[in-house]
PDB file of N, CA and C in Angstrom:
ATOM      1  N   MET A   1     -16.507  -7.802   0.540  1.00  0.00           N
ATOM      2  CA  MET A   1     -15.588  -7.233  -0.911  1.00  0.00           C
ATOM      3  C   MET A   1     -17.090  -8.363  -1.717  1.00  0.00           C
ATOM      4  N   PHE A   2     -16.789  -7.228  -3.202  1.00  0.00           N
ATOM      5  CA  PHE A   2     -17.865  -7.938  -4.511  1.00  0.00           C
ATOM      6  C   PHE A   2     -17.281  -9.057  -4.782  1.00  0.00           C
ATOM      7  N   LEU A   3     -17.642 -10.391  -4.897  1.00  0.00           N
ATOM      8  CA  LEU A   3     -17.139 -11.131  -6.150  1.00  0.00           C
ATOM      9  C   LEU A   3     -16.277 -10.704  -7.434  1.00  0.00           C
ATOM     10  N   GLY A   4     -15.204 -11.059  -7.528  1.00  0.00           N
ATOM     11  CA  GLY A   4     -14.388 -11.068  -8.829  1.00  0.00           C
ATOM     12  C   GLY A   4     -14.004  -8.971  -8.761  1.00  0.00           C
ATOM     13  N   LYS A   5     -13.994  -8.873  -7.582  1.00  0.00           N
ATOM     14  CA  LYS A   5     -13.319  -7.353  -7.265  1.00  0.00           C
ATOM     15  C   LYS A   5     -12.220  -7.750  -6.351  1.00  0.00           C
ATOM     16  N   LYS A   6     -11.577  -7.164  -6.990  1.00  0.00           N
ATOM     17  CA  LYS A   6     -10.211  -6.329  -6.226  1.00  0.00           C
ATOM     18  C   LYS A   6      -9.976  -5.673  -5.211  1.00  0.00           C
ATOM     19  N   GLN A   7      -9.642  -6.277  -4.486  1.00  0.00           N
ATOM     20  CA  GLN A   7      -9.741  -5.127  -3.050  1.00  0.00           C
ATOM     21  C   GLN A   7      -8.060  -4.755  -2.351  1.00  0.00           C
ATOM     22  N   ILE A   8      -7.827  -2.879  -2.455  1.00  0.00           N
ATOM     23  CA  ILE A   8      -6.752  -2.204  -2.362  1.00  0.00           C
ATOM     24  C   ILE A   8      -6.705  -1.309  -1.539  1.00  0.00           C
ATOM     25  N   TYR A   9      -5.953  -1.646  -0.070  1.00  0.00           N
ATOM     26  CA  TYR A   9      -5.521  -0.795   1.137  1.00  0.00           C
ATOM     27  C   TYR A   9      -5.033   0.338   0.370  1.00  0.00           C
ATOM     28  N   ILE A  10      -5.605   1.764   1.182  1.00  0.00           N
ATOM     29  CA  ILE A  10      -4.286   2.719   0.816  1.00  0.00           C
ATOM     30  C   ILE A  10      -3.415   3.417   2.245  1.00  0.00           C
ATOM     31  N   VAL A  11      -2.924   3.548   2.883  1.00  0.00           N
ATOM     32  CA  VAL A  11      -2.210   3.478   3.925  1.00  0.00           C
ATOM     33  C   VAL A  11      -1.155   4.937   3.420  1.00  0.00           C
ATOM     34  N   ASP A  12      -1.288   6.277   3.747  1.00  0.00           N
ATOM     35  CA  ASP A  12      -0.586   7.477   3.714  1.00  0.00           C
ATOM     36  C   ASP A  12      -1.234   8.393   4.185  1.00  0.00           C
ATOM     37  N   ASP A  13      -0.497   9.545   4.609  1.00  0.00           N
ATOM     38  CA  ASP A  13      -0.785  10.541   5.504  1.00  0.00           C
ATOM     39  C   ASP A  13      -1.066  11.576   5.083  1.00  0.00           C
ATOM     40  N   ASP A  14      -0.970  11.445   4.039  1.00  0.00           N
ATOM     41  CA  ASP A  14      -1.345  12.789   2.854  1.00  0.00           C
ATOM     42  C   ASP A  14      -2.880  12.724   2.242  1.00  0.00           C
ATOM     43  N   GLU A  15      -3.584  13.062   2.550  1.00  0.00           N
ATOM     44  CA  GLU A  15      -5.479  13.001   2.478  1.00  0.00           C
ATOM     45  C   GLU A  15      -5.788  12.950   0.547  1.00  0.00           C
ATOM     46  N   SER A  16      -5.101  13.606  -0.183  1.00  0.00           N
ATOM     47  CA  SER A  16      -4.971  13.997  -0.871  1.00  0.00           C
ATOM     48  C   SER A  16      -4.636  12.708  -1.730  1.00  0.00           C
ATOM     49  N   VAL A  17      -3.225  12.272  -1.855  1.00  0.00           N
ATOM     50  CA  VAL A  17      -2.589  10.807  -2.272  1.00  0.00           C
ATOM     51  C   VAL A  17      -3.696  10.434  -1.991  1.00  0.00           C
ATOM     52  N   CYS A  18      -3.850   9.616  -0.834  1.00  0.00           N
ATOM     53  CA  CYS A  18      -5.848   8.847  -0.574  1.00  0.00           C
ATOM     54  C   CYS A  18      -6.544   9.136  -1.329  1.00  0.00           C
ATOM     55  N   ARG A  19      -6.664  10.501  -1.930  1.00  0.00           N
ATOM     56  CA  ARG A  19      -8.046  10.804  -2.608  1.00  0.00           C
ATOM     57  C   ARG A  19      -8.043  10.505  -4.116  1.00  0.00           C
ATOM     58  N   SER A  20      -6.745  10.875  -4.669  1.00  0.00           N
ATOM     59  CA  SER A  20      -6.585  10.927  -5.994  1.00  0.00           C
ATOM     60  C   SER A  20      -6.243   8.883  -5.838  1.00  0.00           C
ATOM     61  N   LEU A  21      -5.488   8.385  -5.044  1.00  0.00           N
ATOM     62  CA  LEU A  21      -5.487   7.407  -5.169  1.00  0.00           C
ATOM     63  C   LEU A  21      -6.715   5.848  -5.295  1.00  0.00           C
ATOM     64  N   LYS A  22      -7.378   6.878  -4.665  1.00  0.00           N
ATOM     65  CA  LYS A  22      -8.777   5.929  -4.450  1.00  0.00           C
ATOM     66  C   LYS A  22      -9.473   6.112  -5.754  1.00  0.00           C
ATOM     67  N   LEU A  23      -9.515   6.929  -6.348  1.00  0.00           N
ATOM     68  CA  LEU A  23     -10.406   7.536  -7.828  1.00  0.00           C
ATOM     69  C   LEU A  23      -9.416   7.163  -8.902  1.00  0.00           C
ATOM     70  N   LEU A  24      -8.075   7.000  -8.826  1.00  0.00           N
ATOM     71  CA  LEU A  24      -7.436   6.019 -10.124  1.00  0.00           C
ATOM     72  C   LEU A  24      -7.933   4.692  -9.693  1.00  0.00           C
ATOM     73  N   MET A  25      -7.910   3.967  -8.707  1.00  0.00           N
ATOM     74  CA  MET A  25      -7.556   2.364  -8.678  1.00  0.00           C
ATOM     75  C   MET A  25      -9.420   2.243  -8.741  1.00  0.00           C
ATOM     76  N   GLY A  26      -9.925   3.090  -7.593  1.00  0.00           N
ATOM     77  CA  GLY A  26     -11.719   2.873  -8.620  1.00  0.00           C
ATOM     78  C   GLY A  26     -11.720   2.501 -10.275  1.00  0.00           C
ATOM     79  N   THR A  27     -11.123   3.971 -10.865  1.00  0.00           N
ATOM     80  CA  THR A  27     -11.431   3.465 -12.197  1.00  0.00           C
ATOM     81  C   THR A  27     -11.311   2.761 -12.942  1.00  0.00           C
ATOM     82  N   TYR A  28     -10.469   1.518 -12.241  1.00  0.00           N
ATOM     83  CA  TYR A  28      -9.509   0.311 -13.012  1.00  0.00           C
ATOM     84  C   TYR A  28      -9.988  -0.502 -12.590  1.00  0.00           C
ATOM     85  N   GLY A  29     -11.748  -0.452 -11.468  1.00  0.00           N
ATOM     86  CA  GLY A  29     -12.722  -1.396 -10.867  1.00  0.00           C
ATOM     87  C   GLY A  29     -12.181  -1.818 -10.107  1.00  0.00           C
ATOM     88  N   PHE A  30     -11.455  -1.421  -8.922  1.00  0.00           N
ATOM     89  CA  PHE A  30     -11.095  -2.383  -7.764  1.00  0.00           C
ATOM     90  C   PHE A  30     -11.253  -1.555  -6.459  1.00  0.00           C
ATOM     91  N   ILE A  31     -11.880  -2.111  -5.419  1.00  0.00           N
ATOM     92  CA  ILE A  31     -12.835  -2.002  -4.158  1.00  0.00           C
ATOM     93  C   ILE A  31     -11.608  -0.815  -3.292  1.00  0.00           C
ATOM     94  N   VAL A  32     -11.432   0.115  -3.089  1.00  0.00           N
ATOM     95  CA  VAL A  32     -10.383   0.851  -2.457  1.00  0.00           C
ATOM     96  C   VAL A  32     -10.856   1.034  -0.864  1.00  0.00           C
ATOM     97  N   GLU A  33      -9.596   0.857   0.186  1.00  0.00           N
ATOM     98  CA  GLU A  33     -10.419   1.766   1.493  1.00  0.00           C
ATOM     99  C   GLU A  33      -9.361   2.470   1.381  1.00  0.00           C
ATOM    100  N   THR A  34      -9.103   3.819   1.842  1.00  0.00           N
ATOM    101  CA  THR A  34      -7.727   4.114   2.577  1.00  0.00           C
ATOM    102  C   THR A  34      -8.007   4.467   3.864  1.00  0.00           C
ATOM    103  N   PHE A  35      -6.790   4.946   4.536  1.00  0.00           N
ATOM    104  CA  PHE A  35      -6.130   5.301   5.410  1.00  0.00           C
ATOM    105  C   PHE A  35      -5.160   6.263   5.781  1.00  0.00           C
ATOM    106  N   LEU A  36      -5.107   7.359   6.908  1.00  0.00           N
ATOM    107  CA  LEU A  36      -4.158   8.069   6.920  1.00  0.00           C
ATOM    108  C   LEU A  36      -3.430   7.825   8.595  1.00  0.00           C
ATOM    109  N   SER A  37      -3.535   6.686   8.532  1.00  0.00           N
ATOM    110  CA  SER A  37      -2.518   6.266   9.426  1.00  0.00           C
ATOM    111  C   SER A  37      -2.054   4.503   9.631  1.00  0.00           C
ATOM    112  N   ALA A  38      -0.947   4.329   9.814  1.00  0.00           N
ATOM    113  CA  ALA A  38      -1.008   2.198   9.724  1.00  0.00           C
ATOM    114  C   ALA A  38      -1.442   2.137  11.329  1.00  0.00           C
ATOM    115  N   GLU A  39      -1.547   3.198  12.050  1.00  0.00           N
ATOM    116  CA  GLU A  39      -2.015   2.650  13.090  1.00  0.00           C
ATOM    117  C   GLU A  39      -3.531   2.123  13.179  1.00  0.00           C
ATOM    118  N   LYS A  40      -4.139   2.900  11.976  1.00  0.00           N
ATOM    119  CA  LYS A  40      -5.710   3.031  12.455  1.00  0.00           C
ATOM    120  C   LYS A  40      -6.057   1.508  11.414  1.00  0.00           C
ATOM    121  N   PHE A  41      -5.291   1.547   9.891  1.00  0.00           N
ATOM    122  CA  PHE A  41      -5.067   0.588   9.294  1.00  0.00           C
ATOM    123  C   PHE A  41      -5.300  -1.248   9.902  1.00  0.00           C
ATOM    124  N   LEU A  42      -3.691  -0.856  11.054  1.00  0.00           N
ATOM    125  CA  LEU A  42      -3.724  -2.426  12.315  1.00  0.00           C
ATOM    126  C   LEU A  42      -5.373  -2.823  12.271  1.00  0.00           C
ATOM    127  N   SER A  43      -5.789  -1.499  13.502  1.00  0.00           N
ATOM    128  CA  SER A  43      -6.772  -2.109  14.213  1.00  0.00           C
ATOM    129  C   SER A  43      -8.337  -2.328  13.079  1.00  0.00           C
ATOM    130  N   VAL A  44      -7.892  -1.267  11.710  1.00  0.00           N
ATOM    131  CA  VAL A  44      -9.708  -1.966  11.131  1.00  0.00           C
ATOM    132  C   VAL A  44      -9.264  -3.548  10.591  1.00  0.00           C
ATOM    133  N   VAL A  45      -8.155  -3.404   9.595  1.00  0.00           N
ATOM    134  CA  VAL A  45      -8.079  -4.830   8.880  1.00  0.00           C
ATOM    135  C   VAL A  45      -8.193  -5.575   9.114  1.00  0.00           C
ATOM    136  N   PRO A  46      -8.896  -6.661   9.479  1.00  0.00           N
ATOM    137  CA  PRO A  46      -7.964  -7.862  10.317  1.00  0.00           C
ATOM    138  C   PRO A  46      -6.771  -8.647   9.085  1.00  0.00           C
ATOM    139  N   ASN A  47      -5.802  -9.638   9.333  1.00  0.00           N
ATOM    140  CA  ASN A  47      -5.071 -10.391   8.447  1.00  0.00           C
ATOM    141  C   ASN A  47      -5.506 -11.225   7.578  1.00  0.00           C
ATOM    142  N   SER A  48      -6.563 -11.406   7.695  1.00  0.00           N
ATOM    143  CA  SER A  48      -7.772 -12.624   7.056  1.00  0.00           C
ATOM    144  C   SER A  48      -7.876 -12.484   5.614  1.00  0.00           C
ATOM    145  N   ALA A  49      -7.968 -10.651   6.458  1.00  0.00           N
ATOM    146  CA  ALA A  49      -8.290  -9.925   5.012  1.00  0.00           C
ATOM    147  C   ALA A  49      -7.887  -9.819   3.741  1.00  0.00           C
ATOM    148  N   SER A  50      -8.293 -10.263   2.516  1.00  0.00           N
ATOM    149  CA  SER A  50      -7.507 -10.039   1.156  1.00  0.00           C
ATOM    150  C   SER A  50      -7.389  -9.307   0.287  1.00  0.00           C
ATOM    151  N   GLY A  51      -5.925  -8.898  -0.412  1.00  0.00           N
ATOM    152  CA  GLY A  51      -5.973  -7.215  -0.588  1.00  0.00           C
ATOM    153  C   GLY A  51      -4.357  -7.131  -1.465  1.00  0.00           C
ATOM    154  N   CYS A  52      -4.301  -6.086  -2.162  1.00  0.00           N
ATOM    155  CA  CYS A  52      -2.690  -5.776  -1.675  1.00  0.00           C
ATOM    156  C   CYS A  52      -2.579  -3.798  -0.771  1.00  0.00           C
ATOM    157  N   LEU A  53      -2.171  -3.973   0.113  1.00  0.00           N
ATOM    158  CA  LEU A  53      -1.552  -3.259   0.426  1.00  0.00           C
ATOM    159  C   LEU A  53      -0.720  -1.609   0.000  1.00  0.00           C
ATOM    160  N   ILE A  54      -1.397  -0.563  -0.374  1.00  0.00           N
ATOM    161  CA  ILE A  54      -0.314   0.284  -0.884  1.00  0.00           C
ATOM    162  C   ILE A  54       0.396   1.310  -0.058  1.00  0.00           C
ATOM    163  N   MET A  55       1.322   1.616   0.800  1.00  0.00           N
ATOM    164  CA  MET A  55       1.710   1.974   1.802  1.00  0.00           C
ATOM    165  C   MET A  55       2.892   3.252   1.483  1.00  0.00           C
ATOM    166  N   ASP A  56       2.888   4.099   2.245  1.00  0.00           N
ATOM    167  CA  ASP A  56       3.577   5.054   2.079  1.00  0.00           C
ATOM    168  C   ASP A  56       4.736   4.867   3.214  1.00  0.00           C
ATOM    169  N   ILE A  57       5.805   5.214   3.491  1.00  0.00           N
ATOM    170  CA  ILE A  57       7.025   4.399   4.063  1.00  0.00           C
ATOM    171  C   ILE A  57       7.338   5.881   5.003  1.00  0.00           C
ATOM    172  N   HIS A  58       7.334   6.960   5.146  1.00  0.00           N
ATOM    173  CA  HIS A  58       7.638   7.818   5.844  1.00  0.00           C
ATOM    174  C   HIS A  58       6.330   8.859   6.493  1.00  0.00           C
ATOM    175  N   MET A  59       5.620   7.880   7.801  1.00  0.00           N
ATOM    176  CA  MET A  59       4.867   8.513   7.806  1.00  0.00           C
ATOM    177  C   MET A  59       4.714   9.401   9.327  1.00  0.00           C
ATOM    178  N   PRO A  60       3.587   9.883  10.237  1.00  0.00           N
ATOM    179  CA  PRO A  60       3.874   9.715  11.655  1.00  0.00           C
ATOM    180  C   PRO A  60       3.432   9.261  12.485  1.00  0.00           C
ATOM    181  N   GLY A  61       3.773   8.955  13.850  1.00  0.00           N
ATOM    182  CA  GLY A  61       3.393   7.732  14.604  1.00  0.00           C
ATOM    183  C   GLY A  61       4.405   6.803  13.188  1.00  0.00           C
ATOM    184  N   LEU A  62       3.878   5.162  13.866  1.00  0.00           N
ATOM    185  CA  LEU A  62       3.771   3.825  13.013  1.00  0.00           C
ATOM    186  C   LEU A  62       4.349   4.249  11.617  1.00  0.00           C
ATOM    187  N   ASN A  63       5.298   3.779  11.099  1.00  0.00           N
ATOM    188  CA  ASN A  63       5.735   4.154   9.575  1.00  0.00           C
ATOM    189  C   ASN A  63       5.222   2.603   9.100  1.00  0.00           C
ATOM    190  N   GLY A  64       6.130   3.183   7.845  1.00  0.00           N
ATOM    191  CA  GLY A  64       5.267   2.096   7.000  1.00  0.00           C
ATOM    192  C   GLY A  64       6.470   1.091   7.461  1.00  0.00           C
ATOM    193  N   TRP A  65       7.939   1.396   7.339  1.00  0.00           N
ATOM    194  CA  TRP A  65       8.854   0.452   7.330  1.00  0.00           C
ATOM    195  C   TRP A  65       8.252  -0.278   8.817  1.00  0.00           C
ATOM    196  N   GLU A  66       8.134   0.089  10.624  1.00  0.00           N
ATOM    197  CA  GLU A  66       7.214  -0.512  10.652  1.00  0.00           C
ATOM    198  C   GLU A  66       6.068  -1.914  10.882  1.00  0.00           C
ATOM    199  N   ALA A  67       5.127  -0.488  10.217  1.00  0.00           N
ATOM    200  CA  ALA A  67       3.642  -1.880  10.152  1.00  0.00           C
ATOM    201  C   ALA A  67       3.785  -2.781   9.036  1.00  0.00           C
ATOM    202  N   HIS A  68       4.919  -2.623   8.202  1.00  0.00           N
ATOM    203  CA  HIS A  68       5.018  -3.993   7.706  1.00  0.00           C
ATOM    204  C   HIS A  68       5.317  -4.968   8.104  1.00  0.00           C
ATOM    205  N   GLN A  69       6.296  -4.749   9.190  1.00  0.00           N
ATOM    206  CA  GLN A  69       7.214  -5.474  10.492  1.00  0.00           C
ATOM    207  C   GLN A  69       5.745  -6.167  10.915  1.00  0.00           C
ATOM    208  N   LYS A  70       4.983  -5.134  11.291  1.00  0.00           N
ATOM    209  CA  LYS A  70       4.267  -5.901  12.539  1.00  0.00           C
ATOM    210  C   LYS A  70       3.267  -6.929  11.584  1.00  0.00           C
ATOM    211  N   LEU A  71       2.859  -6.681  10.653  1.00  0.00           N
ATOM    212  CA  LEU A  71       1.737  -7.550   9.726  1.00  0.00           C
ATOM    213  C   LEU A  71       2.626  -8.822   9.749  1.00  0.00           C
ATOM    214  N   ARG A  72       3.976  -8.348   9.197  1.00  0.00           N
ATOM    215  CA  ARG A  72       5.259  -9.868   9.313  1.00  0.00           C
ATOM    216  C   ARG A  72       4.782 -10.543  10.849  1.00  0.00           C
ATOM    217  N   GLU A  73       5.236  -9.992  11.307  1.00  0.00           N
ATOM    218  CA  GLU A  73       5.086 -10.629  12.662  1.00  0.00           C
ATOM    219  C   GLU A  73       4.142 -11.729  12.938  1.00  0.00           C
ATOM    220  N   THR A  74       2.691 -10.730  12.683  1.00  0.00           N
ATOM    221  CA  THR A  74       1.037 -11.188  12.956  1.00  0.00           C
ATOM    222  C   THR A  74       0.451 -12.702  12.089  1.00  0.00           C
ATOM    223  N   GLY A  75       1.742 -12.761  11.096  1.00  0.00           N
ATOM    224  CA  GLY A  75       1.179 -13.467  10.348  1.00  0.00           C
ATOM    225  C   GLY A  75       0.542 -13.291   8.565  1.00  0.00           C
ATOM    226  N   SER A  76       0.620 -12.158   8.044  1.00  0.00           N
ATOM    227  CA  SER A  76       0.256 -11.552   6.866  1.00  0.00           C
ATOM    228  C   SER A  76       0.845 -11.599   5.897  1.00  0.00           C
ATOM    229  N   ASN A  77      -0.004 -12.500   4.668  1.00  0.00           N
ATOM    230  CA  ASN A  77       0.714 -12.563   3.777  1.00  0.00           C
ATOM    231  C   ASN A  77       0.422 -11.378   2.444  1.00  0.00           C
ATOM    232  N   ARG A  78      -0.029 -10.407   2.808  1.00  0.00           N
ATOM    233  CA  ARG A  78      -0.809  -9.760   2.207  1.00  0.00           C
ATOM    234  C   ARG A  78       0.418  -8.826   1.473  1.00  0.00           C
ATOM    235  N   PRO A  79       0.161  -8.761   0.071  1.00  0.00           N
ATOM    236  CA  PRO A  79       1.529  -7.754  -1.080  1.00  0.00           C
ATOM    237  C   PRO A  79       1.211  -6.377  -0.633  1.00  0.00           C
ATOM    238  N   VAL A  80       2.469  -5.995  -0.556  1.00  0.00           N
ATOM    239  CA  VAL A  80       2.749  -4.621  -0.152  1.00  0.00           C
ATOM    240  C   VAL A  80       3.141  -4.224  -1.682  1.00  0.00           C
ATOM    241  N   ILE A  81       3.089  -2.533  -1.660  1.00  0.00           N
ATOM    242  CA  ILE A  81       3.401  -1.369  -2.602  1.00  0.00           C
ATOM    243  C   ILE A  81       4.357  -0.433  -1.635  1.00  0.00           C
ATOM    244  N   PHE A  82       5.209  -0.655  -1.555  1.00  0.00           N
ATOM    245  CA  PHE A  82       4.961   0.799  -0.419  1.00  0.00           C
ATOM    246  C   PHE A  82       5.712   1.817  -1.198  1.00  0.00           C
ATOM    247  N   ILE A  83       5.283   3.073  -1.009  1.00  0.00           N
ATOM    248  CA  ILE A  83       5.184   4.254  -2.155  1.00  0.00           C
ATOM    249  C   ILE A  83       6.582   5.496  -1.192  1.00  0.00           C
ATOM    250  N   SER A  84       6.633   6.602  -1.983  1.00  0.00           N
ATOM    251  CA  SER A  84       7.510   7.179  -0.997  1.00  0.00           C
ATOM    252  C   SER A  84       7.931   8.875  -1.723  1.00  0.00           C
ATOM    253  N   ALA A  85       8.119   9.715  -1.212  1.00  0.00           N
ATOM    254  CA  ALA A  85       8.743  10.640  -1.967  1.00  0.00           C
ATOM    255  C   ALA A  85       9.775  11.489  -1.805  1.00  0.00           C
ATOM    256  N   ASP A  86      10.558  10.634  -0.383  1.00  0.00           N
ATOM    257  CA  ASP A  86      11.805  10.135  -0.565  1.00  0.00           C
ATOM    258  C   ASP A  86      12.708   9.840  -1.654  1.00  0.00           C
ATOM    259  N   LYS A  87      13.584  10.888  -2.319  1.00  0.00           N
ATOM    260  CA  LYS A  87      14.486  10.402  -2.732  1.00  0.00           C
ATOM    261  C   LYS A  87      15.878   9.853  -3.344  1.00  0.00           C
ATOM    262  N   ASP A  88      15.617   9.334  -1.650  1.00  0.00           N
ATOM    263  CA  ASP A  88      16.759   7.997  -1.290  1.00  0.00           C
ATOM    264  C   ASP A  88      16.987   7.330  -2.370  1.00  0.00           C
ATOM    265  N   SER A  89      17.977   6.904  -3.028  1.00  0.00           N
ATOM    266  CA  SER A  89      18.082   5.928  -4.315  1.00  0.00           C
ATOM    267  C   SER A  89      17.946   4.164  -3.485  1.00  0.00           C
ATOM    268  N   THR A  90      18.233   4.029  -2.583  1.00  0.00           N
ATOM    269  CA  THR A  90      18.374   2.732  -2.229  1.00  0.00           C
ATOM    270  C   THR A  90      16.645   2.236  -0.945  1.00  0.00           C
ATOM    271  N   LEU A  91      15.791   2.929  -1.749  1.00  0.00           N
ATOM    272  CA  LEU A  91      14.312   2.675  -0.752  1.00  0.00           C
ATOM    273  C   LEU A  91      14.113   1.778  -1.386  1.00  0.00           C
ATOM    274  N   LYS A  92      14.665   1.669  -2.058  1.00  0.00           N
ATOM    275  CA  LYS A  92      13.647   0.311  -4.092  1.00  0.00           C
ATOM    276  C   LYS A  92      14.007  -1.431  -3.159  1.00  0.00           C
ATOM    277  N   GLU A  93      15.303  -0.688  -3.180  1.00  0.00           N
ATOM    278  CA  GLU A  93      16.419  -2.297  -2.877  1.00  0.00           C
ATOM    279  C   GLU A  93      15.667  -2.488  -1.579  1.00  0.00           C
ATOM    280  N   GLN A  94      15.852  -1.669  -0.468  1.00  0.00           N
ATOM    281  CA  GLN A  94      15.658  -1.423   0.997  1.00  0.00           C
ATOM    282  C   GLN A  94      14.123  -2.822   0.849  1.00  0.00           C
ATOM    283  N   ALA A  95      12.842  -1.367   0.215  1.00  0.00           N
ATOM    284  CA  ALA A  95      11.936  -1.944  -0.134  1.00  0.00           C
ATOM    285  C   ALA A  95      11.068  -3.798  -0.419  1.00  0.00           C
ATOM    286  N   LEU A  96      12.391  -3.726  -1.472  1.00  0.00           N
ATOM    287  CA  LEU A  96      12.257  -5.502  -1.947  1.00  0.00           C
ATOM    288  C   LEU A  96      13.092  -6.490  -0.659  1.00  0.00           C
ATOM    289  N   LYS A  97      14.217  -5.607  -0.360  1.00  0.00           N
ATOM    290  CA  LYS A  97      14.308  -7.373   0.561  1.00  0.00           C
ATOM    291  C   LYS A  97      13.591  -7.144   1.651  1.00  0.00           C
ATOM    292  N   ALA A  98      13.056  -5.921   2.085  1.00  0.00           N
ATOM    293  CA  ALA A  98      11.569  -6.334   3.338  1.00  0.00           C
ATOM    294  C   ALA A  98      10.818  -7.245   2.944  1.00  0.00           C
ATOM    295  N   GLY A  99      10.763  -7.668   1.832  1.00  0.00           N
ATOM    296  CA  GLY A  99       8.896  -8.703   1.387  1.00  0.00           C
ATOM    297  C   GLY A  99       8.214  -8.029   0.741  1.00  0.00           C
ATOM    298  N   ALA A 100       8.936  -6.671   0.137  1.00  0.00           N
ATOM    299  CA  ALA A 100       8.032  -5.732  -0.542  1.00  0.00           C
ATOM    300  C   ALA A 100       7.409  -6.288  -1.841  1.00  0.00           C
ATOM    301  N   VAL A 101       6.741  -6.741  -2.976  1.00  0.00           N
ATOM    302  CA  VAL A 101       5.930  -7.093  -4.070  1.00  0.00           C
ATOM    303  C   VAL A 101       6.642  -5.397  -5.301  1.00  0.00           C
ATOM    304  N   GLY A 102       6.841  -4.388  -4.407  1.00  0.00           N
ATOM    305  CA  GLY A 102       7.269  -3.030  -5.455  1.00  0.00           C
ATOM    306  C   GLY A 102       7.127  -2.201  -4.496  1.00  0.00           C
ATOM    307  N   PHE A 103       7.826  -1.110  -5.404  1.00  0.00           N
ATOM    308  CA  PHE A 103       7.951   0.063  -4.606  1.00  0.00           C
ATOM    309  C   PHE A 103       7.794   1.370  -5.629  1.00  0.00           C
ATOM    310  N   LEU A 104       6.921   2.622  -5.540  1.00  0.00           N
ATOM    311  CA  LEU A 104       6.978   3.008  -6.887  1.00  0.00           C
ATOM    312  C   LEU A 104       7.376   5.474  -5.682  1.00  0.00           C
ATOM    313  N   GLN A 105       8.964   5.767  -6.558  1.00  0.00           N
ATOM    314  CA  GLN A 105       8.555   7.139  -5.937  1.00  0.00           C
ATOM    315  C   GLN A 105       7.820   8.225  -5.975  1.00  0.00           C
ATOM    316  N   LYS A 106       7.333   8.523  -5.841  1.00  0.00           N
ATOM    317  CA  LYS A 106       6.805  10.179  -5.400  1.00  0.00           C
ATOM    318  C   LYS A 106       7.267  10.666  -6.618  1.00  0.00           C
ATOM    319  N   PRO A 107       6.316  11.729  -7.624  1.00  0.00           N
ATOM    320  CA  PRO A 107       5.498  11.349  -8.387  1.00  0.00           C
ATOM    321  C   PRO A 107       6.135   9.838  -9.312  1.00  0.00           C
ATOM    322  N   PHE A 108       5.028   9.099  -8.926  1.00  0.00           N
ATOM    323  CA  PHE A 108       4.882   8.131  -9.889  1.00  0.00           C
ATOM    324  C   PHE A 108       3.310   7.945 -11.111  1.00  0.00           C
ATOM    325  N   ASN A 109       3.912   7.386 -11.943  1.00  0.00           N
ATOM    326  CA  ASN A 109       3.359   7.270 -13.679  1.00  0.00           C
ATOM    327  C   ASN A 109       1.592   6.213 -12.452  1.00  0.00           C
ATOM    328  N   ASP A 110       0.981   6.370 -13.274  1.00  0.00           N
ATOM    329  CA  ASP A 110      -0.646   6.142 -12.792  1.00  0.00           C
ATOM    330  C   ASP A 110      -0.580   3.965 -13.531  1.00  0.00           C
ATOM    331  N   LYS A 111      -0.189   4.047 -15.106  1.00  0.00           N
ATOM    332  CA  LYS A 111      -0.727   2.841 -15.385  1.00  0.00           C
ATOM    333  C   LYS A 111       0.946   2.291 -14.411  1.00  0.00           C
ATOM    334  N   GLU A 112       2.301   2.567 -14.439  1.00  0.00           N
ATOM    335  CA  GLU A 112       3.057   1.835 -13.147  1.00  0.00           C
ATOM    336  C   GLU A 112       2.134   0.995 -11.782  1.00  0.00           C
ATOM    337  N   LEU A 113       1.656   1.764 -11.444  1.00  0.00           N
ATOM    338  CA  LEU A 113       1.274   2.111 -10.397  1.00  0.00           C
ATOM    339  C   LEU A 113       0.170   0.613 -10.510  1.00  0.00           C
ATOM    340  N   VAL A 114      -0.676   1.010 -11.660  1.00  0.00           N
ATOM    341  CA  VAL A 114      -1.860  -0.127 -12.349  1.00  0.00           C
ATOM    342  C   VAL A 114      -1.280  -1.611 -12.653  1.00  0.00           C
ATOM    343  N   ASP A 115       0.035  -1.618 -13.185  1.00  0.00           N
ATOM    344  CA  ASP A 115       0.157  -3.120 -13.872  1.00  0.00           C
ATOM    345  C   ASP A 115       1.354  -3.627 -12.571  1.00  0.00           C
ATOM    346  N   LEU A 116       1.387  -2.917 -11.830  1.00  0.00           N
ATOM    347  CA  LEU A 116       2.680  -3.631 -10.329  1.00  0.00           C
ATOM    348  C   LEU A 116       0.965  -4.192  -9.628  1.00  0.00           C
ATOM    349  N   VAL A 117      -0.089  -3.335  -9.344  1.00  0.00           N
ATOM    350  CA  VAL A 117      -1.307  -3.985  -8.314  1.00  0.00           C
ATOM    351  C   VAL A 117      -1.780  -4.906  -9.137  1.00  0.00           C
ATOM    352  N   ASN A 118      -1.745  -5.084 -10.107  1.00  0.00           N
ATOM    353  CA  ASN A 118      -2.592  -6.380 -11.181  1.00  0.00           C
ATOM    354  C   ASN A 118      -1.786  -7.256 -11.831  1.00  0.00           C
ATOM    355  N   ARG A 119      -0.608  -7.266 -11.193  1.00  0.00           N
ATOM    356  CA  ARG A 119       0.337  -8.491 -11.354  1.00  0.00           C
ATOM    357  C   ARG A 119       0.762  -8.946  -9.896  1.00  0.00           C
ATOM    358  N   THR A 120      -0.252  -8.948  -8.698  1.00  0.00           N
ATOM    359  CA  THR A 120       0.588  -8.700  -7.532  1.00  0.00           C
ATOM    360  C   THR A 120      -0.825 -10.255  -7.017  1.00  0.00           C
ATOM    361  N   PHE A 121      -1.995  -9.762  -8.385  1.00  0.00           N
ATOM    362  CA  PHE A 121      -3.554  -9.933  -8.320  1.00  0.00           C
ATOM    363  C   PHE A 121      -2.995 -11.255  -8.789  1.00  0.00           C
TER     364      PHE A 121
END
C-alpha cells in the first residue's frame, strides 16, 4: 500500500459492479482491489491488511453474511460496508447489528458511498 493512500476491497459477484466501483473509488484517490467471490477475497487478503471492505450480501458460494462472520471469527476488525440489490427493508438493520459500518441498497448514490467510506477512515 502506498503511504497516504487508503485501501478499499470490493467483493461482488457482478463483474460490472466491481469495475464501476473500482473506477469510482479510484477517482477519489483510493487504492482498490476487487474480488468476484468472498472465498477469493478471504484466500488472498490477510486479516492484518488494513482497508475498508465493500461487500455484496447475496453471492453464490460464501455469501456476505458468512464471509463477515468468518472475518470476525478470525479476529479481523476491518470496517465492512454491505451492499445489496435486495429490497428487504430489514437488511440495513441486520447489517448494522452484525457490526458493519454501513449498508447501501443498489443502485446507490456515488457520493453516499464515498462519504461512508471516508467516514470509516
